[in-house]
Amino acid sequence: MGKNYFLSTDPSMDRIMNVVIALARETYVLKDRLSIVERKLDEVGVVTRADLDEYKPSSDIEEGEILAARDEFVQSVLGPLTKDHKK
């Protein structure tokens, strides 16, 4: 699985947290690719695998939207792990 992100006194808790991080990472990749599919469909009506693999934001505004969506996702998944989490 790679790097351990948490160093608790309970190894099983570390494994669970590493699973959560791995699932969050994979979920974000899926959300990101779906967002690209939606943008390309809006632009040209069709999407190829190459479109997904080669996609680059067309403007600073679009890149900012992507980064904001990423930050929101990270906060929604990992926010509850922080002691100052607000619902």
PDB file of N, CA and C in Angstrom:
ATOM      1  N   MET A   1       0.830  -1.193   0.000  1.00  0.00           N
ATOM      2  CA  MET A   1       0.000   0.000   0.000  1.00  0.00           C
ATOM      3  C   MET A   1       0.868   1.248   0.000  1.00  0.00           C
ATOM      4  N   GLY A   2       2.100   1.139   0.407  1.00  0.00           N
ATOM      5  CA  GLY A   2       2.971   2.300   0.356  1.00  0.00           C
ATOM      6  C   GLY A   2       3.137   2.968   1.698  1.00  0.00           C
ATOM      7  N   LYS A   3       3.215   4.257   1.647  1.00  0.00           N
ATOM      8  CA  LYS A   3       3.517   5.074   2.820  1.00  0.00           C
ATOM      9  C   LYS A   3       2.399   5.031   3.863  1.00  0.00           C
ATOM     10  N   ASN A   4       2.791   4.954   5.132  1.00  0.00           N
ATOM     11  CA  ASN A   4       1.825   5.079   6.221  1.00  0.00           C
ATOM     12  C   ASN A   4       1.637   6.551   6.530  1.00  0.00           C
ATOM     13  N   TYR A   5       0.401   6.994   6.565  1.00  0.00           N
ATOM     14  CA  TYR A   5       0.105   8.402   6.801  1.00  0.00           C
ATOM     15  C   TYR A   5      -0.136   8.711   8.271  1.00  0.00           C
ATOM     16  N   PHE A   6      -0.413   7.707   9.050  1.00  0.00           N
ATOM     17  CA  PHE A   6      -0.753   7.913  10.447  1.00  0.00           C
ATOM     18  C   PHE A   6       0.132   7.029  11.308  1.00  0.00           C
ATOM     19  N   LEU A   7       0.491   7.516  12.444  1.00  0.00           N
ATOM     20  CA  LEU A   7       1.331   6.749  13.359  1.00  0.00           C
ATOM     21  C   LEU A   7       0.638   6.648  14.710  1.00  0.00           C
ATOM     22  N   SER A   8      -0.387   5.838  14.765  1.00  0.00           N
ATOM     23  CA  SER A   8      -1.079   5.644  16.036  1.00  0.00           C
ATOM     24  C   SER A   8      -0.417   4.487  16.776  1.00  0.00           C
ATOM     25  N   THR A   9      -0.826   4.279  17.985  1.00  0.00           N
ATOM     26  CA  THR A   9      -0.299   3.150  18.751  1.00  0.00           C
ATOM     27  C   THR A   9      -0.986   1.850  18.363  1.00  0.00           C
ATOM     28  N   ASP A  10      -2.010   1.948  17.543  1.00  0.00           N
ATOM     29  CA  ASP A  10      -2.762   0.774  17.109  1.00  0.00           C
ATOM     30  C   ASP A  10      -2.499   0.537  15.616  1.00  0.00           C
ATOM     31  N   PRO A  11      -1.739  -0.507  15.264  1.00  0.00           N
ATOM     32  CA  PRO A  11      -1.432  -0.769  13.853  1.00  0.00           C
ATOM     33  C   PRO A  11      -2.679  -0.984  12.993  1.00  0.00           C
ATOM     34  N   SER A  12      -3.725  -1.557  13.561  1.00  0.00           N
ATOM     35  CA  SER A  12      -4.941  -1.760  12.768  1.00  0.00           C
ATOM     36  C   SER A  12      -5.588  -0.423  12.416  1.00  0.00           C
ATOM     37  N   MET A  13      -5.496   0.560  13.308  1.00  0.00           N
ATOM     38  CA  MET A  13      -6.027   1.891  13.004  1.00  0.00           C
ATOM     39  C   MET A  13      -5.216   2.534  11.877  1.00  0.00           C
ATOM     40  N   ASP A  14      -3.910   2.360  11.886  1.00  0.00           N
ATOM     41  CA  ASP A  14      -3.074   2.873  10.798  1.00  0.00           C
ATOM     42  C   ASP A  14      -3.486   2.251   9.467  1.00  0.00           C
ATOM     43  N   ARG A  15      -3.736   0.943   9.460  1.00  0.00           N
ATOM     44  CA  ARG A  15      -4.146   0.282   8.221  1.00  0.00           C
ATOM     45  C   ARG A  15      -5.493   0.814   7.739  1.00  0.00           C
ATOM     46  N   ILE A  16      -6.422   0.996   8.651  1.00  0.00           N
ATOM     47  CA  ILE A  16      -7.734   1.539   8.278  1.00  0.00           C
ATOM     48  C   ILE A  16      -7.583   2.937   7.686  1.00  0.00           C
ATOM     49  N   MET A  17      -6.777   3.767   8.320  1.00  0.00           N
ATOM     50  CA  MET A  17      -6.595   5.131   7.815  1.00  0.00           C
ATOM     51  C   MET A  17      -5.916   5.125   6.450  1.00  0.00           C
ATOM     52  N   ASN A  18      -4.983   4.214   6.227  1.00  0.00           N
ATOM     53  CA  ASN A  18      -4.353   4.117   4.916  1.00  0.00           C
ATOM     54  C   ASN A  18      -5.352   3.676   3.851  1.00  0.00           C
ATOM     55  N   VAL A  19      -6.283   2.804   4.225  1.00  0.00           N
ATOM     56  CA  VAL A  19      -7.349   2.409   3.300  1.00  0.00           C
ATOM     57  C   VAL A  19      -8.231   3.614   2.978  1.00  0.00           C
ATOM     58  N   VAL A  20      -8.596   4.386   3.994  1.00  0.00           N
ATOM     59  CA  VAL A  20      -9.421   5.582   3.778  1.00  0.00           C
ATOM     60  C   VAL A  20      -8.722   6.541   2.819  1.00  0.00           C
ATOM     61  N   ILE A  21      -7.435   6.773   3.031  1.00  0.00           N
ATOM     62  CA  ILE A  21      -6.677   7.680   2.161  1.00  0.00           C
ATOM     63  C   ILE A  21      -6.638   7.135   0.736  1.00  0.00           C
ATOM     64  N   ALA A  22      -6.391   5.839   0.576  1.00  0.00           N
ATOM     65  CA  ALA A  22      -6.343   5.240  -0.762  1.00  0.00           C
ATOM     66  C   ALA A  22      -7.691   5.358  -1.465  1.00  0.00           C
ATOM     67  N   LEU A  23      -8.776   5.084  -0.747  1.00  0.00           N
ATOM     68  CA  LEU A  23     -10.110   5.215  -1.340  1.00  0.00           C
ATOM     69  C   LEU A  23     -10.418   6.663  -1.706  1.00  0.00           C
ATOM     70  N   ALA A  24     -10.027   7.584  -0.857  1.00  0.00           N
ATOM     71  CA  ALA A  24     -10.244   9.002  -1.152  1.00  0.00           C
ATOM     72  C   ALA A  24      -9.477   9.408  -2.404  1.00  0.00           C
ATOM     73  N   ARG A  25      -8.240   8.955  -2.524  1.00  0.00           N
ATOM     74  CA  ARG A  25      -7.421   9.286  -3.695  1.00  0.00           C
ATOM     75  C   ARG A  25      -8.077   8.762  -4.976  1.00  0.00           C
ATOM     76  N   GLU A  26      -8.512   7.508  -4.955  1.00  0.00           N
ATOM     77  CA  GLU A  26      -9.144   6.920  -6.135  1.00  0.00           C
ATOM     78  C   GLU A  26     -10.473   7.602  -6.459  1.00  0.00           C
ATOM     79  N   THR A  27     -11.240   7.934  -5.439  1.00  0.00           N
ATOM     80  CA  THR A  27     -12.509   8.632  -5.652  1.00  0.00           C
ATOM     81  C   THR A  27     -12.271   9.991  -6.286  1.00  0.00           C
ATOM     82  N   TYR A  28     -11.245  10.698  -5.834  1.00  0.00           N
ATOM     83  CA  TYR A  28     -10.958  12.008  -6.419  1.00  0.00           C
ATOM     84  C   TYR A  28     -10.573  11.873  -7.892  1.00  0.00           C
ATOM     85  N   VAL A  29      -9.801  10.872  -8.233  1.00  0.00           N
ATOM     86  CA  VAL A  29      -9.431  10.660  -9.637  1.00  0.00           C
ATOM     87  C   VAL A  29     -10.696  10.453 -10.471  1.00  0.00           C
ATOM     88  N   LEU A  30     -11.625   9.656  -9.967  1.00  0.00           N
ATOM     89  CA  LEU A  30     -12.882   9.432 -10.689  1.00  0.00           C
ATOM     90  C   LEU A  30     -13.678  10.724 -10.846  1.00  0.00           C
ATOM     91  N   LYS A  31     -13.775  11.508  -9.770  1.00  0.00           N
ATOM     92  CA  LYS A  31     -14.501  12.783  -9.829  1.00  0.00           C
ATOM     93  C   LYS A  31     -13.847  13.732 -10.825  1.00  0.00           C
ATOM     94  N   ASP A  32     -12.525  13.773 -10.830  1.00  0.00           N
ATOM     95  CA  ASP A  32     -11.795  14.656 -11.728  1.00  0.00           C
ATOM     96  C   ASP A  32     -12.025  14.259 -13.184  1.00  0.00           C
ATOM     97  N   ARG A  33     -11.933  12.972 -13.471  1.00  0.00           N
ATOM     98  CA  ARG A  33     -12.135  12.519 -14.852  1.00  0.00           C
ATOM     99  C   ARG A  33     -13.586  12.742 -15.295  1.00  0.00           C
ATOM    100  N   LEU A  34     -14.542  12.535 -14.411  1.00  0.00           N
ATOM    101  CA  LEU A  34     -15.933  12.801 -14.758  1.00  0.00           C
ATOM    102  C   LEU A  34     -16.137  14.283 -15.060  1.00  0.00           C
ATOM    103  N   SER A  35     -15.501  15.135 -14.293  1.00  0.00           N
ATOM    104  CA  SER A  35     -15.589  16.575 -14.541  1.00  0.00           C
ATOM    105  C   SER A  35     -15.041  16.921 -15.924  1.00  0.00           C
ATOM    106  N   ILE A  36     -13.944  16.277 -16.308  1.00  0.00           N
ATOM    107  CA  ILE A  36     -13.371  16.511 -17.637  1.00  0.00           C
ATOM    108  C   ILE A  36     -14.333  16.027 -18.713  1.00  0.00           C
ATOM    109  N   VAL A  37     -14.928  14.854 -18.522  1.00  0.00           N
ATOM    110  CA  VAL A  37     -15.910  14.336 -19.482  1.00  0.00           C
ATOM    111  C   VAL A  37     -17.042  15.343 -19.657  1.00  0.00           C
ATOM    112  N   GLU A  38     -17.563  15.858 -18.550  1.00  0.00           N
ATOM    113  CA  GLU A  38     -18.665  16.820 -18.627  1.00  0.00           C
ATOM    114  C   GLU A  38     -18.240  18.089 -19.366  1.00  0.00           C
ATOM    115  N   ARG A  39     -17.053  18.599 -19.085  1.00  0.00           N
ATOM    116  CA  ARG A  39     -16.573  19.813 -19.766  1.00  0.00           C
ATOM    117  C   ARG A  39     -16.413  19.580 -21.266  1.00  0.00           C
ATOM    118  N   LYS A  40     -15.801  18.443 -21.637  1.00  0.00           N
ATOM    119  CA  LYS A  40     -15.590  18.152 -23.059  1.00  0.00           C
ATOM    120  C   LYS A  40     -16.923  17.927 -23.772  1.00  0.00           C
ATOM    121  N   LEU A  41     -17.867  17.269 -23.122  1.00  0.00           N
ATOM    122  CA  LEU A  41     -19.178  17.081 -23.742  1.00  0.00           C
ATOM    123  C   LEU A  41     -19.863  18.417 -23.967  1.00  0.00           C
ATOM    124  N   ASP A  42     -19.748  19.327 -23.008  1.00  0.00           N
ATOM    125  CA  ASP A  42     -20.317  20.662 -23.188  1.00  0.00           C
ATOM    126  C   ASP A  42     -19.646  21.403 -24.345  1.00  0.00           C
ATOM    127  N   GLU A  43     -18.338  21.221 -24.489  1.00  0.00           N
ATOM    128  CA  GLU A  43     -17.586  21.939 -25.524  1.00  0.00           C
ATOM    129  C   GLU A  43     -17.824  21.378 -26.920  1.00  0.00           C
ATOM    130  N   VAL A  44     -17.653  20.056 -27.075  1.00  0.00           N
ATOM    131  CA  VAL A  44     -17.653  19.482 -28.422  1.00  0.00           C
ATOM    132  C   VAL A  44     -18.616  18.322 -28.631  1.00  0.00           C
ATOM    133  N   GLY A  45     -19.267  17.846 -27.585  1.00  0.00           N
ATOM    134  CA  GLY A  45     -20.271  16.810 -27.741  1.00  0.00           C
ATOM    135  C   GLY A  45     -19.763  15.382 -27.747  1.00  0.00           C
ATOM    136  N   VAL A  46     -18.456  15.185 -27.860  1.00  0.00           N
ATOM    137  CA  VAL A  46     -17.873  13.841 -27.810  1.00  0.00           C
ATOM    138  C   VAL A  46     -16.591  13.886 -26.984  1.00  0.00           C
ATOM    139  N   VAL A  47     -16.237  12.718 -26.443  1.00  0.00           N
ATOM    140  CA  VAL A  47     -15.021  12.631 -25.633  1.00  0.00           C
ATOM    141  C   VAL A  47     -14.300  11.339 -25.986  1.00  0.00           C
ATOM    142  N   THR A  48     -13.000  11.455 -26.183  1.00  0.00           N
ATOM    143  CA  THR A  48     -12.180  10.263 -26.391  1.00  0.00           C
ATOM    144  C   THR A  48     -11.297  10.052 -25.165  1.00  0.00           C
ATOM    145  N   ARG A  49     -10.740   8.875 -25.069  1.00  0.00           N
ATOM    146  CA  ARG A  49      -9.807   8.599 -23.970  1.00  0.00           C
ATOM    147  C   ARG A  49      -8.627   9.564 -24.034  1.00  0.00           C
ATOM    148  N   ALA A  50      -8.170   9.873 -25.231  1.00  0.00           N
ATOM    149  CA  ALA A  50      -7.058  10.823 -25.389  1.00  0.00           C
ATOM    150  C   ALA A  50      -7.444  12.196 -24.850  1.00  0.00           C
ATOM    151  N   ASP A  51      -8.709  12.603 -25.055  1.00  0.00           N
ATOM    152  CA  ASP A  51      -9.167  13.885 -24.501  1.00  0.00           C
ATOM    153  C   ASP A  51      -8.982  13.912 -22.985  1.00  0.00           C
ATOM    154  N   LEU A  52      -9.313  12.811 -22.339  1.00  0.00           N
ATOM    155  CA  LEU A  52      -9.176  12.741 -20.881  1.00  0.00           C
ATOM    156  C   LEU A  52      -7.713  12.779 -20.457  1.00  0.00           C
ATOM    157  N   ASP A  53      -6.901  11.990 -21.139  1.00  0.00           N
ATOM    158  CA  ASP A  53      -5.494  11.880 -20.755  1.00  0.00           C
ATOM    159  C   ASP A  53      -4.704  13.154 -21.024  1.00  0.00           C
ATOM    160  N   GLU A  54      -5.107  13.914 -22.045  1.00  0.00           N
ATOM    161  CA  GLU A  54      -4.353  15.102 -22.450  1.00  0.00           C
ATOM    162  C   GLU A  54      -4.977  16.403 -21.964  1.00  0.00           C
ATOM    163  N   TYR A  55      -6.033  16.321 -21.187  1.00  0.00           N
ATOM    164  CA  TYR A  55      -6.772  17.516 -20.778  1.00  0.00           C
ATOM    165  C   TYR A  55      -5.920  18.475 -19.959  1.00  0.00           C
ATOM    166  N   LYS A  56      -6.011  19.742 -20.311  1.00  0.00           N
ATOM    167  CA  LYS A  56      -5.392  20.836 -19.555  1.00  0.00           C
ATOM    168  C   LYS A  56      -6.458  21.919 -19.398  1.00  0.00           C
ATOM    169  N   PRO A  57      -6.566  22.527 -18.216  1.00  0.00           N
ATOM    170  CA  PRO A  57      -7.540  23.614 -18.038  1.00  0.00           C
ATOM    171  C   PRO A  57      -7.301  24.711 -19.077  1.00  0.00           C
ATOM    172  N   SER A  58      -8.387  25.258 -19.612  1.00  0.00           N
ATOM    173  CA  SER A  58      -8.266  26.252 -20.682  1.00  0.00           C
ATOM    174  C   SER A  58      -8.027  27.662 -20.168  1.00  0.00           C
ATOM    175  N   SER A  59      -8.167  27.874 -18.864  1.00  0.00           N
ATOM    176  CA  SER A  59      -7.956  29.219 -18.321  1.00  0.00           C
ATOM    177  C   SER A  59      -7.588  29.131 -16.845  1.00  0.00           C
ATOM    178  N   ASP A  60      -7.101  30.247 -16.318  1.00  0.00           N
ATOM    179  CA  ASP A  60      -6.806  30.306 -14.885  1.00  0.00           C
ATOM    180  C   ASP A  60      -8.077  30.144 -14.060  1.00  0.00           C
ATOM    181  N   ILE A  61      -9.197  30.655 -14.588  1.00  0.00           N
ATOM    182  CA  ILE A  61     -10.474  30.532 -13.876  1.00  0.00           C
ATOM    183  C   ILE A  61     -10.865  29.062 -13.774  1.00  0.00           C
ATOM    184  N   GLU A  62     -10.760  28.344 -14.889  1.00  0.00           N
ATOM    185  CA  GLU A  62     -11.100  26.919 -14.886  1.00  0.00           C
ATOM    186  C   GLU A  62     -10.163  26.151 -13.952  1.00  0.00           C
ATOM    187  N   GLU A  63      -8.881  26.469 -13.979  1.00  0.00           N
ATOM    188  CA  GLU A  63      -7.936  25.803 -13.081  1.00  0.00           C
ATOM    189  C   GLU A  63      -8.286  26.099 -11.622  1.00  0.00           C
ATOM    190  N   GLY A  64      -8.684  27.336 -11.342  1.00  0.00           N
ATOM    191  CA  GLY A  64      -9.103  27.700  -9.988  1.00  0.00           C
ATOM    192  C   GLY A  64     -10.324  26.918  -9.545  1.00  0.00           C
ATOM    193  N   GLU A  65     -11.273  26.713 -10.463  1.00  0.00           N
ATOM    194  CA  GLU A  65     -12.463  25.922 -10.145  1.00  0.00           C
ATOM    195  C   GLU A  65     -12.085  24.477  -9.818  1.00  0.00           C
ATOM    196  N   ILE A  66     -11.151  23.929 -10.583  1.00  0.00           N
ATOM    197  CA  ILE A  66     -10.702  22.556 -10.359  1.00  0.00           C
ATOM    198  C   ILE A  66     -10.022  22.440  -8.997  1.00  0.00           C
ATOM    199  N   LEU A  67      -9.154  23.399  -8.685  1.00  0.00           N
ATOM    200  CA  LEU A  67      -8.455  23.376  -7.397  1.00  0.00           C
ATOM    201  C   LEU A  67      -9.425  23.562  -6.233  1.00  0.00           C
ATOM    202  N   ALA A  68     -10.423  24.422  -6.413  1.00  0.00           N
ATOM    203  CA  ALA A  68     -11.420  24.630  -5.357  1.00  0.00           C
ATOM    204  C   ALA A  68     -12.232  23.355  -5.127  1.00  0.00           C
ATOM    205  N   ALA A  69     -12.599  22.669  -6.206  1.00  0.00           N
ATOM    206  CA  ALA A  69     -13.341  21.411  -6.078  1.00  0.00           C
ATOM    207  C   ALA A  69     -12.490  20.357  -5.374  1.00  0.00           C
ATOM    208  N   ARG A  70     -11.199  20.332  -5.692  1.00  0.00           N
ATOM    209  CA  ARG A  70     -10.293  19.394  -5.023  1.00  0.00           C
ATOM    210  C   ARG A  70     -10.223  19.681  -3.526  1.00  0.00           C
ATOM    211  N   ASP A  71     -10.035  20.952  -3.183  1.00  0.00           N
ATOM    212  CA  ASP A  71      -9.939  21.326  -1.770  1.00  0.00           C
ATOM    213  C   ASP A  71     -11.223  20.992  -1.012  1.00  0.00           C
ATOM    214  N   GLU A  72     -12.360  21.229  -1.653  1.00  0.00           N
ATOM    215  CA  GLU A  72     -13.651  20.908  -1.030  1.00  0.00           C
ATOM    216  C   GLU A  72     -13.774  19.403  -0.792  1.00  0.00           C
ATOM    217  N   PHE A  73     -13.341  18.621  -1.780  1.00  0.00           N
ATOM    218  CA  PHE A  73     -13.389  17.166  -1.639  1.00  0.00           C
ATOM    219  C   PHE A  73     -12.494  16.700  -0.491  1.00  0.00           C
ATOM    220  N   VAL A  74     -11.272  17.185  -0.459  1.00  0.00           N
ATOM    221  CA  VAL A  74     -10.338  16.793   0.605  1.00  0.00           C
ATOM    222  C   VAL A  74     -10.911  17.153   1.971  1.00  0.00           C
ATOM    223  N   GLN A  75     -11.465  18.347   2.088  1.00  0.00           N
ATOM    224  CA  GLN A  75     -12.043  18.766   3.370  1.00  0.00           C
ATOM    225  C   GLN A  75     -13.235  17.889   3.752  1.00  0.00           C
ATOM    226  N   SER A  76     -14.057  17.532   2.773  1.00  0.00           N
ATOM    227  CA  SER A  76     -15.233  16.716   3.088  1.00  0.00           C
ATOM    228  C   SER A  76     -14.845  15.311   3.536  1.00  0.00           C
ATOM    229  N   VAL A  77     -13.757  14.776   2.985  1.00  0.00           N
ATOM    230  CA  VAL A  77     -13.338  13.420   3.338  1.00  0.00           C
ATOM    231  C   VAL A  77     -12.459  13.402   4.583  1.00  0.00           C
ATOM    232  N   LEU A  78     -11.505  14.314   4.649  1.00  0.00           N
ATOM    233  CA  LEU A  78     -10.519  14.276   5.732  1.00  0.00           C
ATOM    234  C   LEU A  78     -10.794  15.269   6.851  1.00  0.00           C
ATOM    235  N   GLY A  79     -11.688  16.207   6.624  1.00  0.00           N
ATOM    236  CA  GLY A  79     -12.003  17.200   7.643  1.00  0.00           C
ATOM    237  C   GLY A  79     -12.406  16.611   8.980  1.00  0.00           C
ATOM    238  N   PRO A  80     -13.224  15.558   8.993  1.00  0.00           N
ATOM    239  CA  PRO A  80     -13.623  14.984  10.278  1.00  0.00           C
ATOM    240  C   PRO A  80     -12.455  14.444  11.110  1.00  0.00           C
ATOM    241  N   LEU A  81     -11.309  14.255  10.493  1.00  0.00           N
ATOM    242  CA  LEU A  81     -10.151  13.755  11.231  1.00  0.00           C
ATOM    243  C   LEU A  81      -9.427  14.853  12.002  1.00  0.00           C
ATOM    244  N   THR A  82      -9.743  16.106  11.707  1.00  0.00           N
ATOM    245  CA  THR A  82      -9.072  17.206  12.395  1.00  0.00           C
ATOM    246  C   THR A  82      -9.864  17.603  13.627  1.00  0.00           C
ATOM    247  N   LYS A  83      -9.159  18.025  14.654  1.00  0.00           N
ATOM    248  CA  LYS A  83      -9.848  18.345  15.908  1.00  0.00           C
ATOM    249  C   LYS A  83     -10.676  19.614  15.819  1.00  0.00           C
ATOM    250  N   ASP A  84     -10.374  20.482  14.856  1.00  0.00           N
ATOM    251  CA  ASP A  84     -11.135  21.725  14.726  1.00  0.00           C
ATOM    252  C   ASP A  84     -12.174  21.653  13.607  1.00  0.00           C
ATOM    253  N   HIS A  85     -12.594  20.432  13.261  1.00  0.00           N
ATOM    254  CA  HIS A  85     -13.578  20.228  12.195  1.00  0.00           C
ATOM    255  C   HIS A  85     -14.911  20.869  12.558  1.00  0.00           C
ATOM    256  N   LYS A  86     -15.490  21.586  11.575  1.00  0.00           N
ATOM    257  CA  LYS A  86     -16.811  22.201  11.753  1.00  0.00           C
ATOM    258  C   LYS A  86     -17.776  21.527  10.808  1.00  0.00           C
ATOM    259  N   LYS A  87     -18.928  21.182  11.309  1.00  0.00           N
ATOM    260  CA  LYS A  87     -19.956  20.546  10.469  1.00  0.00           C
ATOM    261  C   LYS A  87     -20.734  21.569   9.712  1.00  0.00           C
TER     262      LYS A  87
END
